[in-house]
Amino acid sequence: MDCRTAESMVTRFIDHSLSVNELEEFLDHIETCPSCYDELETYFIVHEAMQQLDEKEDGTVLDFKKLLEQEIRRSRRSIRQTRGIRFTVGLISMAAAVALCVFVIFVILGV
């Protein structure tokens, strides 16, 4: 992924609207590109600060950089979970197909 593509995905990352594949490519890029990470950090901080202005003020000060790191870790976990679910569903589907084939063979052969 190039920087232009990554930068165009920043707001979609913040809004949680990237597909799993897009999210993985985006995270891979921003974790190796300091310029794009800084761009993401800037947008993320502005977004979170605006959220704080819209919500009830309780006097706490947030560590926006820490929040971004947590969001990136959460996104990585989400990718792993989605891929794990897809793998499990594929494995179950394959097992069901094999079981069906074995059943059909036994029915056809009259065993």
C-alpha atoms as a PDB file:
ATOM      1  CA  MET A   1       0.000   0.000   0.000  1.00  0.00           C
ATOM      2  CA  ASP A   2       1.294   3.472  -0.782  1.00  0.00           C
ATOM      3  CA  CYS A   3       1.032   6.526   1.460  1.00  0.00           C
ATOM      4  CA  ARG A   4      -1.667   8.206  -0.631  1.00  0.00           C
ATOM      5  CA  THR A   5      -3.939   5.158  -0.272  1.00  0.00           C
ATOM      6  CA  ALA A   6      -3.237   4.878   3.448  1.00  0.00           C
ATOM      7  CA  GLU A   7      -3.969   8.556   4.016  1.00  0.00           C
ATOM      8  CA  SER A   8      -7.261   8.212   2.174  1.00  0.00           C
ATOM      9  CA  MET A   9      -8.256   5.425   4.590  1.00  0.00           C
ATOM     10  CA  VAL A  10      -7.561   7.303   7.846  1.00  0.00           C
ATOM     11  CA  THR A  11     -11.099   8.546   8.409  1.00  0.00           C
ATOM     12  CA  ARG A  12     -12.556   5.148   7.504  1.00  0.00           C
ATOM     13  CA  PHE A  13     -10.242   3.572  10.101  1.00  0.00           C
ATOM     14  CA  ILE A  14     -11.427   6.034  12.725  1.00  0.00           C
ATOM     15  CA  ASP A  15     -15.069   5.368  11.747  1.00  0.00           C
ATOM     16  CA  HIS A  16     -14.480   1.574  11.808  1.00  0.00           C
ATOM     17  CA  SER A  17     -15.671   1.215   8.224  1.00  0.00           C
ATOM     18  CA  LEU A  18     -12.716  -0.631   6.648  1.00  0.00           C
ATOM     19  CA  SER A  19     -13.141  -4.220   5.527  1.00  0.00           C
ATOM     20  CA  VAL A  20     -10.959  -6.792   7.264  1.00  0.00           C
ATOM     21  CA  ASN A  21      -8.536  -6.921   4.313  1.00  0.00           C
ATOM     22  CA  GLU A  22      -8.364  -3.134   4.037  1.00  0.00           C
ATOM     23  CA  LEU A  23      -7.864  -2.844   7.782  1.00  0.00           C
ATOM     24  CA  GLU A  24      -4.996  -5.318   7.787  1.00  0.00           C
ATOM     25  CA  GLU A  25      -3.244  -3.605   4.871  1.00  0.00           C
ATOM     26  CA  PHE A  26      -3.785  -0.203   6.468  1.00  0.00           C
ATOM     27  CA  LEU A  27      -2.384  -1.308   9.837  1.00  0.00           C
ATOM     28  CA  ASP A  28       0.589  -2.982   8.175  1.00  0.00           C
ATOM     29  CA  HIS A  29       1.357   0.275   6.376  1.00  0.00           C
ATOM     30  CA  ILE A  30       0.924   2.733   9.233  1.00  0.00           C
ATOM     31  CA  GLU A  31       2.971   0.548  11.569  1.00  0.00           C
ATOM     32  CA  THR A  32       5.942   0.810   9.178  1.00  0.00           C
ATOM     33  CA  CYS A  33       5.446   4.346   7.864  1.00  0.00           C
ATOM     34  CA  PRO A  34       6.074   7.089  10.450  1.00  0.00           C
ATOM     35  CA  SER A  35       4.603   9.772   8.181  1.00  0.00           C
ATOM     36  CA  CYS A  36       1.282   7.963   7.780  1.00  0.00           C
ATOM     37  CA  TYR A  37       1.210   7.039  11.466  1.00  0.00           C
ATOM     38  CA  ASP A  38       1.631  10.727  12.343  1.00  0.00           C
ATOM     39  CA  GLU A  39      -1.219  11.573   9.958  1.00  0.00           C
ATOM     40  CA  LEU A  40      -3.427   8.964  11.617  1.00  0.00           C
ATOM     41  CA  GLU A  41      -2.431  10.174  15.076  1.00  0.00           C
ATOM     42  CA  THR A  42      -3.345  13.762  14.203  1.00  0.00           C
ATOM     43  CA  TYR A  43      -6.773  12.840  12.834  1.00  0.00           C
ATOM     44  CA  PHE A  44      -7.405  10.436  15.718  1.00  0.00           C
ATOM     45  CA  ILE A  45      -6.549  13.056  18.359  1.00  0.00           C
ATOM     46  CA  VAL A  46      -8.779  15.661  16.684  1.00  0.00           C
ATOM     47  CA  HIS A  47     -11.610  13.141  16.418  1.00  0.00           C
ATOM     48  CA  GLU A  48     -11.304  12.054  20.055  1.00  0.00           C
ATOM     49  CA  ALA A  49     -11.006  15.659  21.275  1.00  0.00           C
ATOM     50  CA  MET A  50     -14.179  16.559  19.385  1.00  0.00           C
ATOM     51  CA  GLN A  51     -15.908  13.547  20.946  1.00  0.00           C
ATOM     52  CA  GLN A  52     -14.871  14.812  24.373  1.00  0.00           C
ATOM     53  CA  LEU A  53     -16.310  18.250  23.629  1.00  0.00           C
ATOM     54  CA  ASP A  54     -19.610  16.656  22.603  1.00  0.00           C
ATOM     55  CA  GLU A  55     -19.804  14.461  25.715  1.00  0.00           C
ATOM     56  CA  LYS A  56     -20.295  15.455  29.316  1.00  0.00           C
ATOM     57  CA  GLU A  57     -17.145  17.019  30.724  1.00  0.00           C
ATOM     58  CA  ASP A  58     -15.969  15.195  33.861  1.00  0.00           C
ATOM     59  CA  GLY A  59     -12.579  16.880  34.151  1.00  0.00           C
ATOM     60  CA  THR A  60     -10.493  13.848  33.184  1.00  0.00           C
ATOM     61  CA  VAL A  61      -7.642  14.224  30.745  1.00  0.00           C
ATOM     62  CA  LEU A  62      -7.283  11.487  28.159  1.00  0.00           C
ATOM     63  CA  ASP A  63      -4.032  10.161  26.772  1.00  0.00           C
ATOM     64  CA  PHE A  64      -4.924  10.240  23.078  1.00  0.00           C
ATOM     65  CA  LYS A  65      -1.757   8.472  21.971  1.00  0.00           C
ATOM     66  CA  LYS A  66      -2.540   5.615  24.342  1.00  0.00           C
ATOM     67  CA  LEU A  67      -6.111   5.516  23.030  1.00  0.00           C
ATOM     68  CA  LEU A  68      -4.785   5.224  19.463  1.00  0.00           C
ATOM     69  CA  GLU A  69      -2.461   2.384  20.448  1.00  0.00           C
ATOM     70  CA  GLN A  70      -5.406   0.623  22.113  1.00  0.00           C
ATOM     71  CA  GLU A  71      -7.518   1.116  18.984  1.00  0.00           C
ATOM     72  CA  ILE A  72      -4.787  -0.386  16.808  1.00  0.00           C
ATOM     73  CA  ARG A  73      -4.476  -3.400  19.151  1.00  0.00           C
ATOM     74  CA  ARG A  74      -8.268  -3.797  19.154  1.00  0.00           C
ATOM     75  CA  SER A  75      -8.279  -3.705  15.358  1.00  0.00           C
ATOM     76  CA  ARG A  76      -5.570  -6.392  15.176  1.00  0.00           C
ATOM     77  CA  ARG A  77      -7.606  -8.592  17.573  1.00  0.00           C
ATOM     78  CA  SER A  78     -10.682  -8.058  15.421  1.00  0.00           C
ATOM     79  CA  ILE A  79      -8.767  -9.166  12.316  1.00  0.00           C
ATOM     80  CA  ARG A  80      -7.525 -12.325  14.071  1.00  0.00           C
ATOM     81  CA  GLN A  81     -11.016 -13.143  15.349  1.00  0.00           C
ATOM     82  CA  THR A  82     -12.627 -12.627  11.944  1.00  0.00           C
ATOM     83  CA  ARG A  83     -10.013 -14.769  10.218  1.00  0.00           C
ATOM     84  CA  GLY A  84     -10.387 -17.448  12.924  1.00  0.00           C
ATOM     85  CA  ILE A  85     -14.144 -17.524  12.489  1.00  0.00           C
ATOM     86  CA  ARG A  86     -13.799 -17.760   8.703  1.00  0.00           C
ATOM     87  CA  PHE A  87     -11.278 -20.608   9.071  1.00  0.00           C
ATOM     88  CA  THR A  88     -13.549 -22.482  11.499  1.00  0.00           C
ATOM     89  CA  VAL A  89     -16.590 -22.066   9.248  1.00  0.00           C
ATOM     90  CA  GLY A  90     -14.548 -23.270   6.262  1.00  0.00           C
ATOM     91  CA  LEU A  91     -13.298 -26.274   8.206  1.00  0.00           C
ATOM     92  CA  ILE A  92     -16.806 -27.195   9.337  1.00  0.00           C
ATOM     93  CA  SER A  93     -18.123 -26.772   5.792  1.00  0.00           C
ATOM     94  CA  MET A  94     -15.382 -29.007   4.439  1.00  0.00           C
ATOM     95  CA  ALA A  95     -16.089 -31.662   7.088  1.00  0.00           C
ATOM     96  CA  ALA A  96     -19.795 -31.518   6.256  1.00  0.00           C
ATOM     97  CA  ALA A  97     -19.053 -31.892   2.530  1.00  0.00           C
ATOM     98  CA  VAL A  98     -16.820 -34.910   3.182  1.00  0.00           C
ATOM     99  CA  ALA A  99     -19.477 -36.469   5.428  1.00  0.00           C
ATOM    100  CA  LEU A 100     -22.113 -35.904   2.735  1.00  0.00           C
ATOM    101  CA  CYS A 101     -19.877 -37.499   0.080  1.00  0.00           C
ATOM    102  CA  VAL A 102     -19.270 -40.531   2.296  1.00  0.00           C
ATOM    103  CA  PHE A 103     -23.000 -40.819   2.966  1.00  0.00           C
ATOM    104  CA  VAL A 104     -23.835 -40.616  -0.762  1.00  0.00           C
ATOM    105  CA  ILE A 105     -21.207 -43.226  -1.595  1.00  0.00           C
ATOM    106  CA  PHE A 106     -22.634 -45.616   0.996  1.00  0.00           C
ATOM    107  CA  VAL A 107     -26.181 -45.028  -0.294  1.00  0.00           C
ATOM    108  CA  ILE A 108     -25.164 -45.553  -3.949  1.00  0.00           C
ATOM    109  CA  LEU A 109     -23.127 -48.651  -3.217  1.00  0.00           C
ATOM    110  CA  GLY A 110     -25.827 -49.975  -0.888  1.00  0.00           C
ATOM    111  CA  VAL A 111     -23.353 -50.749   1.865  1.00  0.00           C
END
